[in-house]
Amino acid sequence: MHTPADTSVVRTDADLDGLLLTGSLEGGRAENARFLECRLDGCDLSGLRAPRARLTDTGVYAAHGAGVDLTDTEWMDCTVAGARLGAVDLYGAELRRVRFEGGKIDYLNLRGARLRDVHFADCVLTEPDLGAAELVDVTFDGCRLIAPDFSQARLKNVDLSGAELVAPRGLASLAGATISRLQLIDLAPAFADQLGISVVE
């Protein structure tokens, strides 16, 4: 059971335990805040700055907004469901046992992030940047990835076979990923281009 709380409690260095937050966090500052067993329901996260925040056993539901700064944050045992977000900065973040369900996130910056046991289900991700990220035991089930960038990413046991990949970049870094036979056929021209192979009709 979560205790309803005013969003004014979300501030720099705050310790938040078991709270239900339903209001607007637009333009808020939550650097180094700690969220334990909290629930954020329908919150507007536009312009929220929360670098180095830590979220544990916390759910984020139907969040919306753009320009969210979550750099170097730590996530463990969390769920993000039904999000409608844009320009989300998770640069250098660490995500362990996190599930993303449904929703649409545009310009998701996961560059240099570390994802372990993370699952994306039925999401639309537009231009997600996974450059130099480390992904271990990550799945994309029923997702649509539009222009994802895998450049210099390190993958281990990453399952892309259930996703629709549209114009992916950094294909040379897909070692350690699983794709379907149909995906391989669709991506063959891009692989050939990456390897400098000329294909004639």
N, C-alpha and C. Protein backbone atom coordinates (compact mmCIF):
# COMPACT_ATOMS: atom_id res chain seq x y z
N MET A 1 0.85 -1.19 0.00
CA MET A 1 0.00 0.00 0.00
C MET A 1 0.89 1.24 0.00
N HIS A 2 0.63 2.15 -0.94
CA HIS A 2 1.42 3.37 -1.04
C HIS A 2 0.70 4.52 -0.34
N THR A 3 1.47 5.39 0.28
CA THR A 3 0.93 6.55 0.97
C THR A 3 0.89 7.74 0.01
N PRO A 4 -0.30 8.31 -0.26
CA PRO A 4 -0.37 9.47 -1.15
C PRO A 4 0.47 10.62 -0.60
N ALA A 5 1.19 11.28 -1.50
CA ALA A 5 2.03 12.39 -1.06
C ALA A 5 2.04 13.48 -2.12
N ASP A 6 2.24 14.70 -1.70
CA ASP A 6 2.37 15.81 -2.63
C ASP A 6 3.72 15.74 -3.32
N THR A 7 3.74 16.10 -4.60
CA THR A 7 4.98 15.99 -5.35
C THR A 7 6.05 16.96 -4.87
N SER A 8 5.72 17.86 -3.98
CA SER A 8 6.71 18.79 -3.44
C SER A 8 7.77 18.06 -2.62
N VAL A 9 7.47 16.82 -2.22
CA VAL A 9 8.45 16.05 -1.44
C VAL A 9 9.60 15.58 -2.32
N VAL A 10 9.40 15.63 -3.64
CA VAL A 10 10.45 15.20 -4.57
C VAL A 10 11.42 16.36 -4.76
N ARG A 11 12.58 16.23 -4.15
CA ARG A 11 13.57 17.30 -4.21
C ARG A 11 14.97 16.70 -4.08
N THR A 12 15.96 17.52 -4.22
CA THR A 12 17.35 17.07 -4.16
C THR A 12 17.63 16.36 -2.83
N ASP A 13 18.29 15.20 -2.94
CA ASP A 13 18.71 14.40 -1.78
C ASP A 13 17.55 13.86 -0.95
N ALA A 14 16.33 13.86 -1.49
CA ALA A 14 15.17 13.37 -0.73
C ALA A 14 15.22 11.86 -0.57
N ASP A 15 14.71 11.37 0.57
CA ASP A 15 14.52 9.95 0.81
C ASP A 15 13.02 9.68 0.77
N LEU A 16 12.56 8.97 -0.26
CA LEU A 16 11.13 8.74 -0.47
C LEU A 16 10.85 7.24 -0.35
N ASP A 17 9.97 6.89 0.57
CA ASP A 17 9.73 5.47 0.88
C ASP A 17 8.24 5.18 0.87
N GLY A 18 7.82 4.32 -0.07
CA GLY A 18 6.44 3.85 -0.08
C GLY A 18 5.41 4.89 -0.44
N LEU A 19 5.78 5.88 -1.26
CA LEU A 19 4.87 6.99 -1.56
C LEU A 19 4.17 6.79 -2.91
N LEU A 20 2.95 7.33 -3.00
CA LEU A 20 2.20 7.40 -4.24
C LEU A 20 2.23 8.84 -4.71
N LEU A 21 2.80 9.07 -5.91
CA LEU A 21 2.92 10.42 -6.46
C LEU A 21 2.09 10.49 -7.73
N THR A 22 1.14 11.44 -7.78
CA THR A 22 0.24 11.52 -8.92
C THR A 22 0.22 12.90 -9.57
N GLY A 23 0.91 13.85 -9.04
CA GLY A 23 0.87 15.20 -9.59
C GLY A 23 1.97 15.46 -10.60
N SER A 24 2.20 16.72 -10.89
CA SER A 24 3.20 17.11 -11.87
C SER A 24 4.57 17.29 -11.22
N LEU A 25 5.58 16.74 -11.89
CA LEU A 25 6.97 16.94 -11.48
C LEU A 25 7.69 17.83 -12.49
N GLU A 26 6.93 18.56 -13.29
CA GLU A 26 7.49 19.38 -14.35
C GLU A 26 8.49 20.38 -13.80
N GLY A 27 9.70 20.35 -14.38
CA GLY A 27 10.73 21.28 -13.96
C GLY A 27 11.32 21.00 -12.60
N GLY A 28 11.02 19.84 -12.03
CA GLY A 28 11.49 19.52 -10.68
C GLY A 28 12.97 19.20 -10.63
N ARG A 29 13.53 19.26 -9.41
CA ARG A 29 14.92 18.93 -9.17
C ARG A 29 14.96 17.81 -8.14
N ALA A 30 15.56 16.69 -8.54
CA ALA A 30 15.61 15.53 -7.63
C ALA A 30 16.98 14.86 -7.71
N GLU A 31 18.03 15.67 -7.79
CA GLU A 31 19.37 15.10 -7.83
C GLU A 31 19.62 14.27 -6.58
N ASN A 32 20.19 13.08 -6.77
CA ASN A 32 20.58 12.19 -5.67
C ASN A 32 19.40 11.72 -4.82
N ALA A 33 18.17 11.90 -5.31
CA ALA A 33 17.01 11.43 -4.55
C ALA A 33 16.96 9.91 -4.54
N ARG A 34 16.34 9.34 -3.50
CA ARG A 34 16.21 7.89 -3.38
C ARG A 34 14.74 7.53 -3.30
N PHE A 35 14.30 6.71 -4.26
CA PHE A 35 12.91 6.25 -4.32
C PHE A 35 12.88 4.76 -3.94
N LEU A 36 12.22 4.42 -2.86
CA LEU A 36 12.11 3.04 -2.42
C LEU A 36 10.64 2.64 -2.35
N GLU A 37 10.26 1.64 -3.13
CA GLU A 37 8.88 1.12 -3.14
C GLU A 37 7.87 2.25 -3.36
N CYS A 38 8.18 3.12 -4.29
CA CYS A 38 7.26 4.22 -4.62
C CYS A 38 6.48 3.89 -5.90
N ARG A 39 5.43 4.65 -6.15
CA ARG A 39 4.65 4.54 -7.37
C ARG A 39 4.39 5.95 -7.91
N LEU A 40 4.83 6.17 -9.16
CA LEU A 40 4.57 7.44 -9.84
C LEU A 40 3.50 7.16 -10.87
N ASP A 41 2.33 7.77 -10.71
CA ASP A 41 1.18 7.43 -11.52
C ASP A 41 0.69 8.64 -12.32
N GLY A 42 0.88 8.60 -13.65
CA GLY A 42 0.38 9.67 -14.51
C GLY A 42 1.12 10.99 -14.36
N CYS A 43 2.33 10.95 -13.87
CA CYS A 43 3.08 12.19 -13.60
C CYS A 43 3.60 12.83 -14.89
N ASP A 44 3.61 14.16 -14.90
CA ASP A 44 4.27 14.92 -15.97
C ASP A 44 5.73 15.10 -15.56
N LEU A 45 6.63 14.49 -16.34
CA LEU A 45 8.05 14.54 -16.00
C LEU A 45 8.81 15.56 -16.83
N SER A 46 8.12 16.42 -17.54
CA SER A 46 8.78 17.40 -18.42
C SER A 46 9.81 18.22 -17.66
N GLY A 47 11.04 18.22 -18.18
CA GLY A 47 12.08 19.04 -17.59
C GLY A 47 12.58 18.59 -16.24
N LEU A 48 12.17 17.41 -15.80
CA LEU A 48 12.64 16.90 -14.51
C LEU A 48 14.14 16.63 -14.57
N ARG A 49 14.87 17.10 -13.56
CA ARG A 49 16.30 16.84 -13.46
C ARG A 49 16.53 15.97 -12.22
N ALA A 50 16.93 14.72 -12.48
CA ALA A 50 17.16 13.80 -11.36
C ALA A 50 18.41 12.96 -11.57
N PRO A 51 19.54 13.60 -11.94
CA PRO A 51 20.75 12.81 -12.10
C PRO A 51 21.17 12.15 -10.80
N ARG A 52 21.72 10.96 -10.91
CA ARG A 52 22.24 10.18 -9.79
C ARG A 52 21.17 9.76 -8.79
N ALA A 53 19.90 9.84 -9.19
CA ALA A 53 18.83 9.32 -8.33
C ALA A 53 18.89 7.80 -8.30
N ARG A 54 18.36 7.20 -7.25
CA ARG A 54 18.31 5.75 -7.13
C ARG A 54 16.85 5.31 -6.95
N LEU A 55 16.43 4.38 -7.79
CA LEU A 55 15.05 3.89 -7.73
C LEU A 55 15.08 2.39 -7.49
N THR A 56 14.42 1.94 -6.42
CA THR A 56 14.38 0.53 -6.07
C THR A 56 12.94 0.09 -5.85
N ASP A 57 12.56 -1.00 -6.51
CA ASP A 57 11.21 -1.55 -6.36
C ASP A 57 10.15 -0.46 -6.55
N THR A 58 10.34 0.34 -7.60
CA THR A 58 9.47 1.48 -7.86
C THR A 58 8.80 1.35 -9.22
N GLY A 59 7.54 1.75 -9.33
CA GLY A 59 6.79 1.68 -10.58
C GLY A 59 6.49 3.08 -11.12
N VAL A 60 6.69 3.24 -12.43
CA VAL A 60 6.37 4.50 -13.10
C VAL A 60 5.31 4.19 -14.16
N TYR A 61 4.10 4.71 -13.98
CA TYR A 61 2.98 4.33 -14.82
C TYR A 61 2.39 5.55 -15.54
N ALA A 62 2.21 5.40 -16.86
CA ALA A 62 1.58 6.44 -17.69
C ALA A 62 2.25 7.80 -17.53
N ALA A 63 3.56 7.79 -17.35
CA ALA A 63 4.29 9.06 -17.27
C ALA A 63 4.36 9.70 -18.65
N HIS A 64 4.43 11.03 -18.68
CA HIS A 64 4.52 11.73 -19.96
C HIS A 64 5.41 12.95 -19.79
N GLY A 65 5.84 13.50 -20.92
CA GLY A 65 6.67 14.69 -20.88
C GLY A 65 7.92 14.53 -21.71
N ALA A 66 8.73 15.56 -21.74
CA ALA A 66 9.95 15.56 -22.55
C ALA A 66 11.07 16.28 -21.80
N GLY A 67 12.30 15.96 -22.19
CA GLY A 67 13.46 16.60 -21.58
C GLY A 67 13.71 16.15 -20.17
N VAL A 68 13.80 14.82 -19.98
CA VAL A 68 13.96 14.25 -18.63
C VAL A 68 15.42 13.86 -18.42
N ASP A 69 16.05 14.41 -17.41
CA ASP A 69 17.46 14.14 -17.13
C ASP A 69 17.58 13.09 -16.03
N LEU A 70 17.94 11.87 -16.46
CA LEU A 70 18.13 10.76 -15.53
C LEU A 70 19.53 10.19 -15.67
N THR A 71 20.49 11.04 -15.94
CA THR A 71 21.86 10.57 -16.14
C THR A 71 22.42 9.96 -14.86
N ASP A 72 23.19 8.88 -15.05
CA ASP A 72 23.88 8.21 -13.94
C ASP A 72 22.93 7.74 -12.84
N THR A 73 21.68 7.49 -13.18
CA THR A 73 20.74 6.96 -12.18
C THR A 73 20.91 5.46 -12.03
N GLU A 74 20.41 4.92 -10.93
CA GLU A 74 20.44 3.49 -10.66
C GLU A 74 19.01 2.99 -10.48
N TRP A 75 18.68 1.94 -11.23
CA TRP A 75 17.34 1.35 -11.19
C TRP A 75 17.46 -0.12 -10.83
N MET A 76 16.66 -0.58 -9.89
CA MET A 76 16.66 -1.99 -9.54
C MET A 76 15.23 -2.44 -9.22
N ASP A 77 14.80 -3.52 -9.87
CA ASP A 77 13.46 -4.09 -9.63
C ASP A 77 12.36 -3.05 -9.86
N CYS A 78 12.43 -2.37 -11.01
CA CYS A 78 11.46 -1.32 -11.33
C CYS A 78 10.65 -1.67 -12.57
N THR A 79 9.50 -1.02 -12.70
CA THR A 79 8.64 -1.16 -13.88
C THR A 79 8.29 0.22 -14.42
N VAL A 80 8.40 0.37 -15.74
CA VAL A 80 7.97 1.58 -16.42
C VAL A 80 6.92 1.16 -17.44
N ALA A 81 5.68 1.58 -17.26
CA ALA A 81 4.59 1.10 -18.12
C ALA A 81 3.78 2.26 -18.68
N GLY A 82 3.44 2.15 -19.97
CA GLY A 82 2.55 3.12 -20.60
C GLY A 82 3.15 4.51 -20.74
N ALA A 83 4.46 4.60 -20.84
CA ALA A 83 5.11 5.92 -20.90
C ALA A 83 4.91 6.58 -22.26
N ARG A 84 4.79 7.90 -22.26
CA ARG A 84 4.77 8.71 -23.48
C ARG A 84 5.78 9.82 -23.26
N LEU A 85 7.05 9.51 -23.55
CA LEU A 85 8.14 10.40 -23.19
C LEU A 85 9.00 10.74 -24.39
N GLY A 86 9.68 11.87 -24.31
CA GLY A 86 10.61 12.28 -25.36
C GLY A 86 11.88 12.85 -24.75
N ALA A 87 13.00 12.62 -25.42
CA ALA A 87 14.30 13.15 -25.00
C ALA A 87 14.59 12.78 -23.54
N VAL A 88 14.65 11.47 -23.31
CA VAL A 88 14.96 10.95 -21.97
C VAL A 88 16.44 10.61 -21.91
N ASP A 89 17.15 11.22 -20.99
CA ASP A 89 18.60 11.04 -20.89
C ASP A 89 18.92 10.08 -19.76
N LEU A 90 19.27 8.83 -20.15
CA LEU A 90 19.71 7.82 -19.19
C LEU A 90 21.20 7.51 -19.41
N TYR A 91 21.92 8.50 -19.86
CA TYR A 91 23.35 8.33 -20.12
C TYR A 91 24.06 7.83 -18.86
N GLY A 92 24.82 6.74 -19.01
CA GLY A 92 25.60 6.23 -17.90
C GLY A 92 24.80 5.59 -16.78
N ALA A 93 23.50 5.37 -17.00
CA ALA A 93 22.66 4.79 -15.96
C ALA A 93 22.91 3.29 -15.81
N GLU A 94 22.52 2.75 -14.67
CA GLU A 94 22.61 1.31 -14.43
C GLU A 94 21.21 0.79 -14.13
N LEU A 95 20.76 -0.16 -14.96
CA LEU A 95 19.42 -0.74 -14.82
C LEU A 95 19.55 -2.24 -14.60
N ARG A 96 19.00 -2.72 -13.49
CA ARG A 96 19.02 -4.15 -13.17
C ARG A 96 17.60 -4.60 -12.86
N ARG A 97 17.17 -5.64 -13.53
CA ARG A 97 15.83 -6.20 -13.34
C ARG A 97 14.75 -5.11 -13.48
N VAL A 98 14.76 -4.48 -14.66
CA VAL A 98 13.80 -3.42 -14.98
C VAL A 98 12.97 -3.86 -16.18
N ARG A 99 11.68 -3.55 -16.15
CA ARG A 99 10.78 -3.92 -17.24
C ARG A 99 10.10 -2.67 -17.78
N PHE A 100 10.16 -2.49 -19.10
CA PHE A 100 9.45 -1.43 -19.80
C PHE A 100 8.28 -2.07 -20.56
N GLU A 101 7.07 -1.62 -20.30
CA GLU A 101 5.89 -2.20 -20.91
C GLU A 101 5.09 -1.13 -21.64
N GLY A 102 4.81 -1.39 -22.93
CA GLY A 102 3.95 -0.49 -23.69
C GLY A 102 4.53 0.92 -23.79
N GLY A 103 3.75 1.80 -24.38
CA GLY A 103 4.14 3.19 -24.46
C GLY A 103 5.12 3.48 -25.59
N LYS A 104 5.57 4.73 -25.64
CA LYS A 104 6.44 5.22 -26.70
C LYS A 104 7.45 6.19 -26.10
N ILE A 105 8.71 5.96 -26.39
CA ILE A 105 9.77 6.84 -25.91
C ILE A 105 10.60 7.28 -27.11
N ASP A 106 10.63 8.58 -27.34
CA ASP A 106 11.42 9.14 -28.44
C ASP A 106 12.76 9.63 -27.92
N TYR A 107 13.82 9.37 -28.70
CA TYR A 107 15.16 9.87 -28.38
C TYR A 107 15.59 9.45 -26.97
N LEU A 108 15.57 8.15 -26.75
CA LEU A 108 16.02 7.59 -25.47
C LEU A 108 17.54 7.45 -25.51
N ASN A 109 18.22 8.17 -24.65
CA ASN A 109 19.68 8.16 -24.62
C ASN A 109 20.17 7.20 -23.55
N LEU A 110 20.61 6.01 -24.01
CA LEU A 110 21.19 5.01 -23.11
C LEU A 110 22.68 4.85 -23.37
N ARG A 111 23.29 5.87 -23.94
CA ARG A 111 24.71 5.78 -24.28
C ARG A 111 25.54 5.55 -23.01
N GLY A 112 26.38 4.53 -23.07
CA GLY A 112 27.24 4.23 -21.94
C GLY A 112 26.53 3.63 -20.74
N ALA A 113 25.24 3.30 -20.89
CA ALA A 113 24.48 2.72 -19.77
C ALA A 113 24.79 1.23 -19.63
N ARG A 114 24.45 0.67 -18.48
CA ARG A 114 24.63 -0.76 -18.21
C ARG A 114 23.27 -1.35 -17.90
N LEU A 115 22.82 -2.27 -18.76
CA LEU A 115 21.52 -2.91 -18.62
C LEU A 115 21.73 -4.40 -18.37
N ARG A 116 21.19 -4.89 -17.28
CA ARG A 116 21.28 -6.31 -16.97
C ARG A 116 19.91 -6.83 -16.55
N ASP A 117 19.45 -7.86 -17.23
CA ASP A 117 18.13 -8.44 -16.98
C ASP A 117 17.04 -7.37 -17.13
N VAL A 118 17.05 -6.72 -18.30
CA VAL A 118 16.09 -5.67 -18.62
C VAL A 118 15.21 -6.15 -19.77
N HIS A 119 13.91 -5.92 -19.65
CA HIS A 119 12.97 -6.42 -20.65
C HIS A 119 12.09 -5.29 -21.18
N PHE A 120 12.08 -5.16 -22.50
CA PHE A 120 11.20 -4.22 -23.19
C PHE A 120 10.09 -5.02 -23.85
N ALA A 121 8.84 -4.68 -23.57
CA ALA A 121 7.70 -5.41 -24.13
C ALA A 121 6.70 -4.44 -24.74
N ASP A 122 6.41 -4.62 -26.03
CA ASP A 122 5.38 -3.84 -26.72
C ASP A 122 5.64 -2.34 -26.65
N CYS A 123 6.90 -1.96 -26.79
CA CYS A 123 7.28 -0.55 -26.76
C CYS A 123 7.62 -0.05 -28.16
N VAL A 124 7.45 1.24 -28.38
CA VAL A 124 7.97 1.91 -29.57
C VAL A 124 9.09 2.82 -29.12
N LEU A 125 10.29 2.57 -29.62
CA LEU A 125 11.45 3.37 -29.27
C LEU A 125 11.97 4.04 -30.53
N THR A 126 11.89 5.36 -30.57
CA THR A 126 12.34 6.11 -31.74
C THR A 126 13.74 6.65 -31.51
N GLU A 127 14.66 6.26 -32.36
CA GLU A 127 16.06 6.66 -32.30
C GLU A 127 16.69 6.45 -30.93
N PRO A 128 16.53 5.25 -30.35
CA PRO A 128 17.23 4.99 -29.09
C PRO A 128 18.73 4.91 -29.34
N ASP A 129 19.51 5.54 -28.47
CA ASP A 129 20.96 5.55 -28.60
C ASP A 129 21.55 4.59 -27.57
N LEU A 130 22.04 3.45 -28.07
CA LEU A 130 22.66 2.44 -27.22
C LEU A 130 24.17 2.42 -27.42
N GLY A 131 24.70 3.48 -27.97
CA GLY A 131 26.13 3.54 -28.25
C GLY A 131 26.96 3.33 -27.00
N ALA A 132 27.94 2.42 -27.09
CA ALA A 132 28.87 2.12 -26.00
C ALA A 132 28.17 1.61 -24.74
N ALA A 133 26.92 1.18 -24.87
CA ALA A 133 26.21 0.62 -23.73
C ALA A 133 26.57 -0.85 -23.55
N GLU A 134 26.34 -1.37 -22.37
CA GLU A 134 26.55 -2.79 -22.07
C GLU A 134 25.20 -3.42 -21.77
N LEU A 135 24.80 -4.40 -22.59
CA LEU A 135 23.52 -5.07 -22.43
C LEU A 135 23.75 -6.55 -22.16
N VAL A 136 23.24 -7.03 -21.04
CA VAL A 136 23.34 -8.44 -20.67
C VAL A 136 21.96 -8.95 -20.30
N ASP A 137 21.52 -10.02 -20.94
CA ASP A 137 20.20 -10.61 -20.68
C ASP A 137 19.10 -9.57 -20.87
N VAL A 138 19.05 -9.02 -22.06
CA VAL A 138 18.07 -7.99 -22.41
C VAL A 138 17.20 -8.50 -23.55
N THR A 139 15.88 -8.29 -23.46
CA THR A 139 14.96 -8.73 -24.51
C THR A 139 14.12 -7.56 -25.00
N PHE A 140 13.73 -7.66 -26.27
CA PHE A 140 12.83 -6.68 -26.89
C PHE A 140 11.69 -7.49 -27.52
N ASP A 141 10.59 -7.65 -26.82
CA ASP A 141 9.50 -8.51 -27.27
C ASP A 141 8.33 -7.66 -27.75
N GLY A 142 8.01 -7.78 -29.05
CA GLY A 142 6.90 -7.03 -29.60
C GLY A 142 7.18 -5.55 -29.72
N CYS A 143 8.45 -5.18 -29.76
CA CYS A 143 8.83 -3.77 -29.81
C CYS A 143 9.10 -3.32 -31.24
N ARG A 144 9.02 -2.02 -31.45
CA ARG A 144 9.42 -1.41 -32.72
C ARG A 144 10.54 -0.44 -32.43
N LEU A 145 11.72 -0.72 -32.96
CA LEU A 145 12.89 0.11 -32.75
C LEU A 145 13.18 0.85 -34.06
N ILE A 146 13.00 2.16 -34.01
CA ILE A 146 13.18 2.99 -35.20
C ILE A 146 14.54 3.69 -35.13
N ALA A 147 15.41 3.35 -36.08
CA ALA A 147 16.76 3.93 -36.17
C ALA A 147 17.54 3.78 -34.87
N PRO A 148 17.56 2.58 -34.29
CA PRO A 148 18.38 2.40 -33.09
C PRO A 148 19.86 2.44 -33.44
N ASP A 149 20.67 2.93 -32.53
CA ASP A 149 22.12 3.02 -32.76
C ASP A 149 22.82 2.11 -31.75
N PHE A 150 23.47 1.05 -32.28
CA PHE A 150 24.18 0.09 -31.44
C PHE A 150 25.69 0.30 -31.49
N SER A 151 26.16 1.40 -32.01
CA SER A 151 27.58 1.61 -32.23
C SER A 151 28.39 1.39 -30.95
N GLN A 152 29.38 0.52 -31.04
CA GLN A 152 30.31 0.22 -29.95
C GLN A 152 29.62 -0.34 -28.71
N ALA A 153 28.39 -0.83 -28.87
CA ALA A 153 27.72 -1.47 -27.74
C ALA A 153 28.31 -2.86 -27.50
N ARG A 154 28.19 -3.35 -26.27
CA ARG A 154 28.65 -4.69 -25.91
C ARG A 154 27.43 -5.49 -25.48
N LEU A 155 27.15 -6.55 -26.22
CA LEU A 155 25.93 -7.33 -26.03
C LEU A 155 26.25 -8.76 -25.61
N LYS A 156 25.47 -9.26 -24.69
CA LYS A 156 25.56 -10.66 -24.28
C LYS A 156 24.16 -11.16 -23.99
N ASN A 157 23.75 -12.18 -24.71
CA ASN A 157 22.41 -12.76 -24.53
C ASN A 157 21.33 -11.69 -24.68
N VAL A 158 21.38 -10.98 -25.79
CA VAL A 158 20.38 -9.95 -26.10
C VAL A 158 19.47 -10.49 -27.21
N ASP A 159 18.18 -10.55 -26.95
CA ASP A 159 17.23 -11.13 -27.89
C ASP A 159 16.46 -10.03 -28.61
N LEU A 160 16.79 -9.87 -29.89
CA LEU A 160 16.10 -8.89 -30.74
C LEU A 160 15.12 -9.57 -31.68
N SER A 161 14.96 -10.88 -31.56
CA SER A 161 14.18 -11.63 -32.55
C SER A 161 12.70 -11.27 -32.53
N GLY A 162 12.21 -10.74 -31.42
CA GLY A 162 10.80 -10.37 -31.33
C GLY A 162 10.52 -8.92 -31.63
N ALA A 163 11.53 -8.21 -32.15
CA ALA A 163 11.38 -6.78 -32.40
C ALA A 163 11.37 -6.48 -33.89
N GLU A 164 10.78 -5.35 -34.23
CA GLU A 164 10.87 -4.83 -35.60
C GLU A 164 11.99 -3.80 -35.60
N LEU A 165 13.02 -4.06 -36.40
CA LEU A 165 14.17 -3.16 -36.47
C LEU A 165 14.07 -2.33 -37.74
N VAL A 166 13.98 -1.03 -37.58
CA VAL A 166 13.86 -0.12 -38.72
C VAL A 166 15.13 0.72 -38.82
N ALA A 167 15.87 0.55 -39.89
CA ALA A 167 17.08 1.33 -40.17
C ALA A 167 18.04 1.37 -38.99
N PRO A 168 18.43 0.19 -38.48
CA PRO A 168 19.38 0.19 -37.36
C PRO A 168 20.76 0.63 -37.79
N ARG A 169 21.51 1.20 -36.85
CA ARG A 169 22.88 1.63 -37.10
C ARG A 169 23.81 0.88 -36.14
N GLY A 170 25.09 0.81 -36.52
CA GLY A 170 26.05 0.12 -35.67
C GLY A 170 25.89 -1.38 -35.68
N LEU A 171 25.56 -1.95 -36.85
CA LEU A 171 25.30 -3.39 -36.94
C LEU A 171 26.53 -4.21 -36.60
N ALA A 172 27.71 -3.66 -36.75
CA ALA A 172 28.92 -4.41 -36.43
C ALA A 172 29.00 -4.74 -34.94
N SER A 173 28.22 -4.07 -34.12
CA SER A 173 28.25 -4.29 -32.68
C SER A 173 27.16 -5.25 -32.20
N LEU A 174 26.48 -5.93 -33.14
CA LEU A 174 25.40 -6.84 -32.75
C LEU A 174 25.89 -8.23 -32.37
N ALA A 175 27.19 -8.43 -32.31
CA ALA A 175 27.70 -9.71 -31.82
C ALA A 175 27.17 -9.94 -30.40
N GLY A 176 26.63 -11.13 -30.16
CA GLY A 176 26.03 -11.43 -28.86
C GLY A 176 24.53 -11.26 -28.85
N ALA A 177 23.97 -10.87 -30.01
CA ALA A 177 22.52 -10.71 -30.12
C ALA A 177 21.91 -11.87 -30.90
N THR A 178 20.63 -12.11 -30.67
CA THR A 178 19.87 -13.10 -31.42
C THR A 178 18.84 -12.38 -32.27
N ILE A 179 18.82 -12.68 -33.58
CA ILE A 179 17.81 -12.14 -34.46
C ILE A 179 17.15 -13.30 -35.20
N SER A 180 15.99 -13.04 -35.78
CA SER A 180 15.28 -14.09 -36.51
C SER A 180 15.82 -14.21 -37.93
N ARG A 181 15.49 -15.32 -38.59
CA ARG A 181 15.90 -15.51 -39.98
C ARG A 181 15.31 -14.42 -40.87
N LEU A 182 14.07 -14.04 -40.62
CA LEU A 182 13.44 -12.98 -41.41
C LEU A 182 14.15 -11.65 -41.20
N GLN A 183 14.52 -11.35 -39.97
CA GLN A 183 15.27 -10.13 -39.71
C GLN A 183 16.60 -10.13 -40.46
N LEU A 184 17.25 -11.29 -40.50
CA LEU A 184 18.52 -11.38 -41.20
C LEU A 184 18.36 -11.04 -42.68
N ILE A 185 17.27 -11.53 -43.26
CA ILE A 185 17.00 -11.23 -44.68
C ILE A 185 16.76 -9.74 -44.86
N ASP A 186 15.95 -9.17 -43.97
CA ASP A 186 15.65 -7.74 -44.07
C ASP A 186 16.89 -6.86 -43.88
N LEU A 187 17.80 -7.32 -43.02
CA LEU A 187 18.96 -6.52 -42.70
C LEU A 187 20.16 -6.81 -43.60
N ALA A 188 20.02 -7.79 -44.48
CA ALA A 188 21.15 -8.18 -45.33
C ALA A 188 21.77 -7.00 -46.09
N PRO A 189 20.97 -6.13 -46.72
CA PRO A 189 21.59 -4.98 -47.41
C PRO A 189 22.41 -4.09 -46.48
N ALA A 190 21.90 -3.88 -45.27
CA ALA A 190 22.62 -3.03 -44.33
C ALA A 190 23.91 -3.70 -43.87
N PHE A 191 23.84 -5.03 -43.65
CA PHE A 191 25.05 -5.76 -43.27
C PHE A 191 26.09 -5.68 -44.40
N ALA A 192 25.63 -5.85 -45.63
CA ALA A 192 26.54 -5.79 -46.77
C ALA A 192 27.19 -4.42 -46.86
N ASP A 193 26.40 -3.38 -46.66
CA ASP A 193 26.93 -2.03 -46.71
C ASP A 193 27.96 -1.80 -45.60
N GLN A 194 27.66 -2.34 -44.40
CA GLN A 194 28.57 -2.20 -43.26
C GLN A 194 29.91 -2.87 -43.54
N LEU A 195 29.87 -3.99 -44.26
CA LEU A 195 31.07 -4.75 -44.56
C LEU A 195 31.75 -4.32 -45.86
N GLY A 196 31.15 -3.35 -46.52
CA GLY A 196 31.73 -2.88 -47.77
C GLY A 196 31.56 -3.84 -48.94
N ILE A 197 30.50 -4.64 -48.89
CA ILE A 197 30.23 -5.63 -49.95
C ILE A 197 29.29 -5.01 -50.98
N SER A 198 29.66 -5.12 -52.25
CA SER A 198 28.79 -4.65 -53.33
C SER A 198 27.90 -5.78 -53.78
N VAL A 199 26.62 -5.51 -53.88
CA VAL A 199 25.64 -6.53 -54.28
C VAL A 199 25.07 -6.14 -55.64
N VAL A 200 25.12 -7.08 -56.60
CA VAL A 200 24.60 -6.82 -57.93
C VAL A 200 23.28 -7.57 -58.11
N GLU A 201 22.45 -7.03 -58.96
CA GLU A 201 21.16 -7.66 -59.25
C GLU A 201 21.36 -8.91 -60.11
